[in-house]
Full PDB file with SEQRES, HELIX, SHEET, SSBOND, CRYST1, ORIGX, SCALE, CONECT and MASTER records, all heavy atoms in Angstrom:
SEQRES   1 A   33  ILE SER PRO ALA ALA ARG LEU GLY ARG LEU ALA HIS GLU          
SEQRES   2 A   33  LEU GLY PRO GLY VAL VAL MET THR PRO VAL LEU GLY ARG          
SEQRES   3 A   33  ARG HIS SER VAL LEU THR ASP                                  
HELIX    1 AA1 ALA A    4  LEU A   14  1                                  11    
HELIX    2 AA2 GLY A   15  GLY A   17  5                                   3    
CRYST1    1.000    1.000    1.000  90.00  90.00  90.00 P 1           1          
ORIGX1      1.000000  0.000000  0.000000        0.00000                         
ORIGX2      0.000000  1.000000  0.000000        0.00000                         
ORIGX3      0.000000  0.000000  1.000000        0.00000                         
SCALE1      1.000000  0.000000  0.000000        0.00000                         
SCALE2      0.000000  1.000000  0.000000        0.00000                         
SCALE3      0.000000  0.000000  1.000000        0.00000                         
ATOM      1  N   ILE A   1     153.237  44.113  91.662  1.00  0.00           N  
ATOM      2  CA  ILE A   1     154.487  44.187  90.941  1.00  0.00           C  
ATOM      3  C   ILE A   1     154.664  45.502  90.242  1.00  0.00           C  
ATOM      4  O   ILE A   1     155.757  46.055  90.248  1.00  0.00           O  
ATOM      5  CB  ILE A   1     154.529  43.045  89.874  1.00  0.00           C  
ATOM      6  CG1 ILE A   1     154.412  41.666  90.585  1.00  0.00           C  
ATOM      7  CG2 ILE A   1     155.838  43.088  89.042  1.00  0.00           C  
ATOM      8  CD1 ILE A   1     154.308  40.491  89.663  1.00  0.00           C  
ATOM      9  N   SER A   2     153.587  46.036  89.665  1.00  0.00           N  
ATOM     10  CA  SER A   2     153.659  47.356  89.047  1.00  0.00           C  
ATOM     11  C   SER A   2     152.984  48.338  90.096  1.00  0.00           C  
ATOM     12  O   SER A   2     151.771  48.344  90.275  1.00  0.00           O  
ATOM     13  CB  SER A   2     152.841  47.414  87.764  1.00  0.00           C  
ATOM     14  OG  SER A   2     152.810  48.687  87.210  1.00  0.00           O  
ATOM     15  N   PRO A   3     153.800  49.181  90.747  1.00  0.00           N  
ATOM     16  CA  PRO A   3     153.282  49.965  91.876  1.00  0.00           C  
ATOM     17  C   PRO A   3     152.308  51.054  91.423  1.00  0.00           C  
ATOM     18  O   PRO A   3     152.457  51.668  90.362  1.00  0.00           O  
ATOM     19  CB  PRO A   3     154.511  50.596  92.464  1.00  0.00           C  
ATOM     20  CG  PRO A   3     155.550  50.538  91.366  1.00  0.00           C  
ATOM     21  CD  PRO A   3     155.243  49.362  90.553  1.00  0.00           C  
ATOM     22  N   ALA A   4     151.287  51.290  92.234  1.00  0.00           N  
ATOM     23  CA  ALA A   4     150.286  52.293  91.936  1.00  0.00           C  
ATOM     24  C   ALA A   4     150.917  53.659  91.892  1.00  0.00           C  
ATOM     25  O   ALA A   4     150.498  54.524  91.079  1.00  0.00           O  
ATOM     26  CB  ALA A   4     149.193  52.284  93.029  1.00  0.00           C  
ATOM     27  N   ALA A   5     151.971  53.908  92.662  1.00  0.00           N  
ATOM     28  CA  ALA A   5     152.612  55.211  92.667  1.00  0.00           C  
ATOM     29  C   ALA A   5     153.206  55.561  91.313  1.00  0.00           C  
ATOM     30  O   ALA A   5     153.290  56.712  90.930  1.00  0.00           O  
ATOM     31  CB  ALA A   5     153.718  55.238  93.738  1.00  0.00           C  
ATOM     32  N   ARG A   6     153.628  54.566  90.538  1.00  0.00           N  
ATOM     33  CA  ARG A   6     154.218  54.770  89.232  1.00  0.00           C  
ATOM     34  C   ARG A   6     153.158  55.320  88.264  1.00  0.00           C  
ATOM     35  O   ARG A   6     153.427  56.264  87.523  1.00  0.00           O  
ATOM     36  CB  ARG A   6     154.833  53.490  88.724  1.00  0.00           C  
ATOM     37  CG  ARG A   6     155.530  53.644  87.391  1.00  0.00           C  
ATOM     38  CD  ARG A   6     156.442  52.439  87.149  1.00  0.00           C  
ATOM     39  NE  ARG A   6     157.531  52.449  88.125  1.00  0.00           N  
ATOM     40  CZ  ARG A   6     158.168  51.368  88.566  1.00  0.00           C  
ATOM     41  NH1 ARG A   6     157.836  50.148  88.098  1.00  0.00           N  
ATOM     42  NH2 ARG A   6     159.131  51.401  89.458  1.00  0.00           N  
ATOM     43  N   LEU A   7     152.007  54.714  88.286  1.00  0.00           N  
ATOM     44  CA  LEU A   7     150.940  55.229  87.400  1.00  0.00           C  
ATOM     45  C   LEU A   7     150.396  56.536  87.878  1.00  0.00           C  
ATOM     46  O   LEU A   7     150.005  57.381  87.080  1.00  0.00           O  
ATOM     47  CB  LEU A   7     149.804  54.186  87.318  1.00  0.00           C  
ATOM     48  CG  LEU A   7     149.972  53.037  86.336  1.00  0.00           C  
ATOM     49  CD1 LEU A   7     149.961  53.553  84.905  1.00  0.00           C  
ATOM     50  CD2 LEU A   7     151.270  52.250  86.521  1.00  0.00           C  
ATOM     51  N   GLY A   8     150.442  56.770  89.218  1.00  0.00           N  
ATOM     52  CA  GLY A   8     150.039  58.063  89.716  1.00  0.00           C  
ATOM     53  C   GLY A   8     151.008  59.169  89.239  1.00  0.00           C  
ATOM     54  O   GLY A   8     150.592  60.231  88.878  1.00  0.00           O  
ATOM     55  N   ARG A   9     152.249  58.799  89.237  1.00  0.00           N  
ATOM     56  CA  ARG A   9     153.289  59.795  88.729  1.00  0.00           C  
ATOM     57  C   ARG A   9     153.056  60.067  87.237  1.00  0.00           C  
ATOM     58  O   ARG A   9     153.146  61.205  86.811  1.00  0.00           O  
ATOM     59  CB  ARG A   9     154.709  59.215  88.961  1.00  0.00           C  
ATOM     60  CG  ARG A   9     155.847  59.983  88.263  1.00  0.00           C  
ATOM     61  CD  ARG A   9     156.343  61.112  89.056  1.00  0.00           C  
ATOM     62  NE  ARG A   9     157.352  61.896  88.352  1.00  0.00           N  
ATOM     63  CZ  ARG A   9     158.636  61.481  88.184  1.00  0.00           C  
ATOM     64  NH1 ARG A   9     159.053  60.351  88.701  1.00  0.00           N  
ATOM     65  NH2 ARG A   9     159.494  62.265  87.542  1.00  0.00           N  
ATOM     66  N   LEU A  10     152.762  59.050  86.513  1.00  0.00           N  
ATOM     67  CA  LEU A  10     152.530  59.244  85.060  1.00  0.00           C  
ATOM     68  C   LEU A  10     151.339  60.125  84.794  1.00  0.00           C  
ATOM     69  O   LEU A  10     151.381  61.021  83.978  1.00  0.00           O  
ATOM     70  CB  LEU A  10     152.314  57.862  84.394  1.00  0.00           C  
ATOM     71  CG  LEU A  10     152.090  57.892  82.880  1.00  0.00           C  
ATOM     72  CD1 LEU A  10     153.286  58.409  82.176  1.00  0.00           C  
ATOM     73  CD2 LEU A  10     151.706  56.461  82.371  1.00  0.00           C  
ATOM     74  N   ALA A  11     150.240  59.938  85.567  1.00  0.00           N  
ATOM     75  CA  ALA A  11     149.088  60.775  85.435  1.00  0.00           C  
ATOM     76  C   ALA A  11     149.423  62.211  85.825  1.00  0.00           C  
ATOM     77  O   ALA A  11     148.937  63.181  85.161  1.00  0.00           O  
ATOM     78  CB  ALA A  11     147.922  60.253  86.317  1.00  0.00           C  
ATOM     79  N   HIS A  12     150.240  62.387  86.868  1.00  0.00           N  
ATOM     80  CA  HIS A  12     150.646  63.742  87.237  1.00  0.00           C  
ATOM     81  C   HIS A  12     151.469  64.426  86.207  1.00  0.00           C  
ATOM     82  O   HIS A  12     151.295  65.631  85.906  1.00  0.00           O  
ATOM     83  CB  HIS A  12     151.370  63.667  88.581  1.00  0.00           C  
ATOM     84  CG  HIS A  12     152.000  64.979  89.005  1.00  0.00           C  
ATOM     85  ND1 HIS A  12     151.214  66.008  89.522  1.00  0.00           N  
ATOM     86  CD2 HIS A  12     153.254  65.451  89.000  1.00  0.00           C  
ATOM     87  CE1 HIS A  12     152.012  67.029  89.818  1.00  0.00           C  
ATOM     88  NE2 HIS A  12     153.227  66.758  89.458  1.00  0.00           N  
ATOM     89  N   GLU A  13     152.392  63.718  85.642  1.00  0.00           N  
ATOM     90  CA  GLU A  13     153.349  64.262  84.642  1.00  0.00           C  
ATOM     91  C   GLU A  13     152.673  64.608  83.320  1.00  0.00           C  
ATOM     92  O   GLU A  13     152.937  65.645  82.738  1.00  0.00           O  
ATOM     93  CB  GLU A  13     154.529  63.348  84.402  1.00  0.00           C  
ATOM     94  CG  GLU A  13     155.447  63.145  85.616  1.00  0.00           C  
ATOM     95  CD  GLU A  13     156.307  64.339  85.940  1.00  0.00           C  
ATOM     96  OE1 GLU A  13     156.293  65.308  85.135  1.00  0.00           O  
ATOM     97  OE2 GLU A  13     156.969  64.327  87.005  1.00  0.00           O  
ATOM     98  N   LEU A  14     151.780  63.740  82.866  1.00  0.00           N  
ATOM     99  CA  LEU A  14     151.203  63.930  81.510  1.00  0.00           C  
ATOM    100  C   LEU A  14     149.800  64.560  81.548  1.00  0.00           C  
ATOM    101  O   LEU A  14     149.323  65.060  80.528  1.00  0.00           O  
ATOM    102  CB  LEU A  14     151.151  62.587  80.763  1.00  0.00           C  
ATOM    103  CG  LEU A  14     152.511  61.918  80.508  1.00  0.00           C  
ATOM    104  CD1 LEU A  14     152.326  60.755  79.570  1.00  0.00           C  
ATOM    105  CD2 LEU A  14     153.556  62.867  79.973  1.00  0.00           C  
ATOM    106  N   GLY A  15     149.127  64.440  82.683  1.00  0.00           N  
ATOM    107  CA  GLY A  15     147.775  65.040  82.777  1.00  0.00           C  
ATOM    108  C   GLY A  15     146.879  64.503  81.734  1.00  0.00           C  
ATOM    109  O   GLY A  15     146.726  63.262  81.532  1.00  0.00           O  
ATOM    110  N   PRO A  16     146.219  65.382  80.950  1.00  0.00           N  
ATOM    111  CA  PRO A  16     145.279  64.924  79.914  1.00  0.00           C  
ATOM    112  C   PRO A  16     146.026  64.201  78.751  1.00  0.00           C  
ATOM    113  O   PRO A  16     145.348  63.664  77.843  1.00  0.00           O  
ATOM    114  CB  PRO A  16     144.621  66.222  79.438  1.00  0.00           C  
ATOM    115  CG  PRO A  16     145.530  67.305  79.785  1.00  0.00           C  
ATOM    116  CD  PRO A  16     146.232  66.863  81.061  1.00  0.00           C  
ATOM    117  N   GLY A  17     147.331  64.200  78.767  1.00  0.00           N  
ATOM    118  CA  GLY A  17     148.088  63.504  77.702  1.00  0.00           C  
ATOM    119  C   GLY A  17     148.138  62.011  77.833  1.00  0.00           C  
ATOM    120  O   GLY A  17     148.687  61.369  76.968  1.00  0.00           O  
ATOM    121  N   VAL A  18     147.578  61.487  78.923  1.00  0.00           N  
ATOM    122  CA  VAL A  18     147.559  60.051  79.099  1.00  0.00           C  
ATOM    123  C   VAL A  18     146.168  59.594  79.547  1.00  0.00           C  
ATOM    124  O   VAL A  18     145.504  60.279  80.277  1.00  0.00           O  
ATOM    125  CB  VAL A  18     148.592  59.608  80.154  1.00  0.00           C  
ATOM    126  CG1 VAL A  18     148.332  60.287  81.503  1.00  0.00           C  
ATOM    127  CG2 VAL A  18     148.607  58.070  80.336  1.00  0.00           C  
ATOM    128  N   VAL A  19     145.710  58.486  78.993  1.00  0.00           N  
ATOM    129  CA  VAL A  19     144.465  57.823  79.382  1.00  0.00           C  
ATOM    130  C   VAL A  19     144.780  56.655  80.270  1.00  0.00           C  
ATOM    131  O   VAL A  19     145.506  55.756  79.898  1.00  0.00           O  
ATOM    132  CB  VAL A  19     143.693  57.382  78.143  1.00  0.00           C  
ATOM    133  CG1 VAL A  19     142.428  56.628  78.563  1.00  0.00           C  
ATOM    134  CG2 VAL A  19     143.349  58.537  77.220  1.00  0.00           C  
ATOM    135  N   MET A  20     144.271  56.713  81.486  1.00  0.00           N  
ATOM    136  CA  MET A  20     144.522  55.673  82.496  1.00  0.00           C  
ATOM    137  C   MET A  20     143.396  54.654  82.452  1.00  0.00           C  
ATOM    138  O   MET A  20     142.200  55.045  82.444  1.00  0.00           O  
ATOM    139  CB  MET A  20     144.645  56.226  83.850  1.00  0.00           C  
ATOM    140  CG  MET A  20     145.569  57.433  83.955  1.00  0.00           C  
ATOM    141  SD  MET A  20     147.323  57.067  83.588  1.00  0.00           S  
ATOM    142  CE  MET A  20     147.755  56.053  84.961  1.00  0.00           C  
ATOM    143  N   THR A  21     143.729  53.351  82.376  1.00  0.00           N  
ATOM    144  CA  THR A  21     142.692  52.311  82.420  1.00  0.00           C  
ATOM    145  C   THR A  21     142.938  51.379  83.565  1.00  0.00           C  
ATOM    146  O   THR A  21     143.664  50.392  83.448  1.00  0.00           O  
ATOM    147  CB  THR A  21     142.653  51.520  81.058  1.00  0.00           C  
ATOM    148  OG1 THR A  21     142.515  52.453  79.962  1.00  0.00           O  
ATOM    149  CG2 THR A  21     141.549  50.519  81.051  1.00  0.00           C  
ATOM    150  N   PRO A  22     142.362  51.651  84.750  1.00  0.00           N  
ATOM    151  CA  PRO A  22     142.470  50.767  85.868  1.00  0.00           C  
ATOM    152  C   PRO A  22     141.537  49.546  85.666  1.00  0.00           C  
ATOM    153  O   PRO A  22     140.390  49.695  85.231  1.00  0.00           O  
ATOM    154  CB  PRO A  22     142.063  51.597  87.056  1.00  0.00           C  
ATOM    155  CG  PRO A  22     141.127  52.615  86.505  1.00  0.00           C  
ATOM    156  CD  PRO A  22     141.600  52.879  85.062  1.00  0.00           C  
ATOM    157  N   VAL A  23     142.052  48.385  86.035  1.00  0.00           N  
ATOM    158  CA  VAL A  23     141.230  47.149  85.911  1.00  0.00           C  
ATOM    159  C   VAL A  23     141.123  46.525  87.292  1.00  0.00           C  
ATOM    160  O   VAL A  23     142.143  46.355  87.963  1.00  0.00           O  
ATOM    161  CB  VAL A  23     141.882  46.182  84.925  1.00  0.00           C  
ATOM    162  CG1 VAL A  23     141.110  44.896  84.756  1.00  0.00           C  
ATOM    163  CG2 VAL A  23     142.023  46.861  83.527  1.00  0.00           C  
ATOM    164  N   LEU A  24     139.930  46.175  87.711  1.00  0.00           N  
ATOM    165  CA  LEU A  24     139.769  45.580  89.003  1.00  0.00           C  
ATOM    166  C   LEU A  24     140.435  44.185  89.067  1.00  0.00           C  
ATOM    167  O   LEU A  24     140.376  43.393  88.149  1.00  0.00           O  
ATOM    168  CB  LEU A  24     138.249  45.396  89.296  1.00  0.00           C  
ATOM    169  CG  LEU A  24     137.463  46.672  89.483  1.00  0.00           C  
ATOM    170  CD1 LEU A  24     136.004  46.363  89.707  1.00  0.00           C  
ATOM    171  CD2 LEU A  24     137.991  47.512  90.570  1.00  0.00           C  
ATOM    172  N   GLY A  25     141.117  43.945  90.197  1.00  0.00           N  
ATOM    173  CA  GLY A  25     141.782  42.645  90.425  1.00  0.00           C  
ATOM    174  C   GLY A  25     143.131  42.777  91.035  1.00  0.00           C  
ATOM    175  O   GLY A  25     143.742  43.824  91.141  1.00  0.00           O  
ATOM    176  N   ARG A  26     143.634  41.633  91.533  1.00  0.00           N  
ATOM    177  CA  ARG A  26     144.938  41.566  92.192  1.00  0.00           C  
ATOM    178  C   ARG A  26     145.996  40.899  91.242  1.00  0.00           C  
ATOM    179  O   ARG A  26     147.088  40.581  91.689  1.00  0.00           O  
ATOM    180  CB  ARG A  26     144.823  40.799  93.498  1.00  0.00           C  
ATOM    181  CG  ARG A  26     146.038  40.842  94.376  1.00  0.00           C  
ATOM    182  CD  ARG A  26     145.866  40.040  95.631  1.00  0.00           C  
ATOM    183  NE  ARG A  26     144.933  40.706  96.564  1.00  0.00           N  
ATOM    184  CZ  ARG A  26     145.303  41.555  97.462  1.00  0.00           C  
ATOM    185  NH1 ARG A  26     146.566  41.894  97.557  1.00  0.00           N  
ATOM    186  NH2 ARG A  26     144.461  42.101  98.230  1.00  0.00           N  
ATOM    187  N   ARG A  27     145.650  40.716  89.990  1.00  0.00           N  
ATOM    188  CA  ARG A  27     146.599  40.087  89.085  1.00  0.00           C  
ATOM    189  C   ARG A  27     147.580  41.068  88.548  1.00  0.00           C  
ATOM    190  O   ARG A  27     147.620  42.209  88.973  1.00  0.00           O  
ATOM    191  CB  ARG A  27     145.768  39.394  87.976  1.00  0.00           C  
ATOM    192  CG  ARG A  27     144.881  38.259  88.506  1.00  0.00           C  
ATOM    193  CD  ARG A  27     143.983  37.705  87.410  1.00  0.00           C  
ATOM    194  NE  ARG A  27     144.729  37.210  86.270  1.00  0.00           N  
ATOM    195  CZ  ARG A  27     145.282  35.988  86.237  1.00  0.00           C  
ATOM    196  NH1 ARG A  27     145.169  35.185  87.273  1.00  0.00           N  
ATOM    197  NH2 ARG A  27     145.957  35.579  85.184  1.00  0.00           N  
ATOM    198  N   HIS A  28     148.389  40.609  87.552  1.00  0.00           N  
ATOM    199  CA  HIS A  28     149.437  41.489  86.995  1.00  0.00           C  
ATOM    200  C   HIS A  28     149.291  41.777  85.515  1.00  0.00           C  
ATOM    201  O   HIS A  28     149.347  42.920  85.103  1.00  0.00           O  
ATOM    202  CB  HIS A  28     150.815  40.909  87.336  1.00  0.00           C  
ATOM    203  CG  HIS A  28     151.940  41.657  86.702  1.00  0.00           C  
ATOM    204  ND1 HIS A  28     152.187  42.969  87.009  1.00  0.00           N  
ATOM    205  CD2 HIS A  28     152.933  41.255  85.826  1.00  0.00           C  
ATOM    206  CE1 HIS A  28     153.272  43.412  86.366  1.00  0.00           C  
ATOM    207  NE2 HIS A  28     153.745  42.372  85.628  1.00  0.00           N  
ATOM    208  N   SER A  29     149.067  40.769  84.749  1.00  0.00           N  
ATOM    209  CA  SER A  29     149.199  40.866  83.281  1.00  0.00           C  
ATOM    210  C   SER A  29     147.864  41.182  82.631  1.00  0.00           C  
ATOM    211  O   SER A  29     147.144  40.285  82.141  1.00  0.00           O  
ATOM    212  CB  SER A  29     149.795  39.575  82.708  1.00  0.00           C  
ATOM    213  OG  SER A  29     151.036  39.303  83.313  1.00  0.00           O  
ATOM    214  N   VAL A  30     147.517  42.440  82.542  1.00  0.00           N  
ATOM    215  CA  VAL A  30     146.204  42.854  82.030  1.00  0.00           C  
ATOM    216  C   VAL A  30     146.033  42.413  80.589  1.00  0.00           C  
ATOM    217  O   VAL A  30     145.015  41.760  80.222  1.00  0.00           O  
ATOM    218  CB  VAL A  30     145.967  44.356  82.145  1.00  0.00           C  
ATOM    219  CG1 VAL A  30     144.699  44.758  81.520  1.00  0.00           C  
ATOM    220  CG2 VAL A  30     146.030  44.795  83.578  1.00  0.00           C  
ATOM    221  N   LEU A  31     146.913  42.821  79.699  1.00  0.00           N  
ATOM    222  CA  LEU A  31     146.693  42.620  78.271  1.00  0.00           C  
ATOM    223  C   LEU A  31     146.744  41.134  77.873  1.00  0.00           C  
ATOM    224  O   LEU A  31     145.989  40.638  77.035  1.00  0.00           O  
ATOM    225  CB  LEU A  31     147.698  43.413  77.463  1.00  0.00           C  
ATOM    226  CG  LEU A  31     147.641  44.902  77.712  1.00  0.00           C  
ATOM    227  CD1 LEU A  31     148.611  45.673  76.833  1.00  0.00           C  
ATOM    228  CD2 LEU A  31     146.176  45.441  77.439  1.00  0.00           C  
ATOM    229  N   THR A  32     147.691  40.393  78.457  1.00  0.00           N  
ATOM    230  CA  THR A  32     147.735  38.955  78.137  1.00  0.00           C  
ATOM    231  C   THR A  32     146.510  38.208  78.717  1.00  0.00           C  
ATOM    232  O   THR A  32     146.008  37.284  78.117  1.00  0.00           O  
ATOM    233  CB  THR A  32     149.033  38.278  78.639  1.00  0.00           C  
ATOM    234  OG1 THR A  32     149.190  38.561  80.028  1.00  0.00           O  
ATOM    235  CG2 THR A  32     150.225  38.828  77.878  1.00  0.00           C  
ATOM    236  N   ASP A  33     146.047  38.636  79.890  1.00  0.00           N  
ATOM    237  CA  ASP A  33     144.843  38.083  80.429  1.00  0.00           C  
ATOM    238  C   ASP A  33     143.621  38.372  79.464  1.00  0.00           C  
ATOM    239  O   ASP A  33     142.804  37.527  79.203  1.00  0.00           O  
ATOM    240  CB  ASP A  33     144.470  38.687  81.787  1.00  0.00           C  
ATOM    241  CG  ASP A  33     145.268  38.050  82.964  1.00  0.00           C  
ATOM    242  OD1 ASP A  33     145.961  37.038  82.686  1.00  0.00           O  
ATOM    243  OD2 ASP A  33     145.211  38.596  84.056  1.00  0.00           O  
TER     244      ASP A  33                                                      
MASTER        0    0    0    2    0    0    0    6  243    1    0    3          
END                                                                             
């Protein structure tokens, strides 16, 4: 539902200004889980 390309673009645009936290799994709602 949330495409990987979107987070890839965010990492490209902000570089060290963003911390990416990938979580293993095929689910969607990380924080509510």
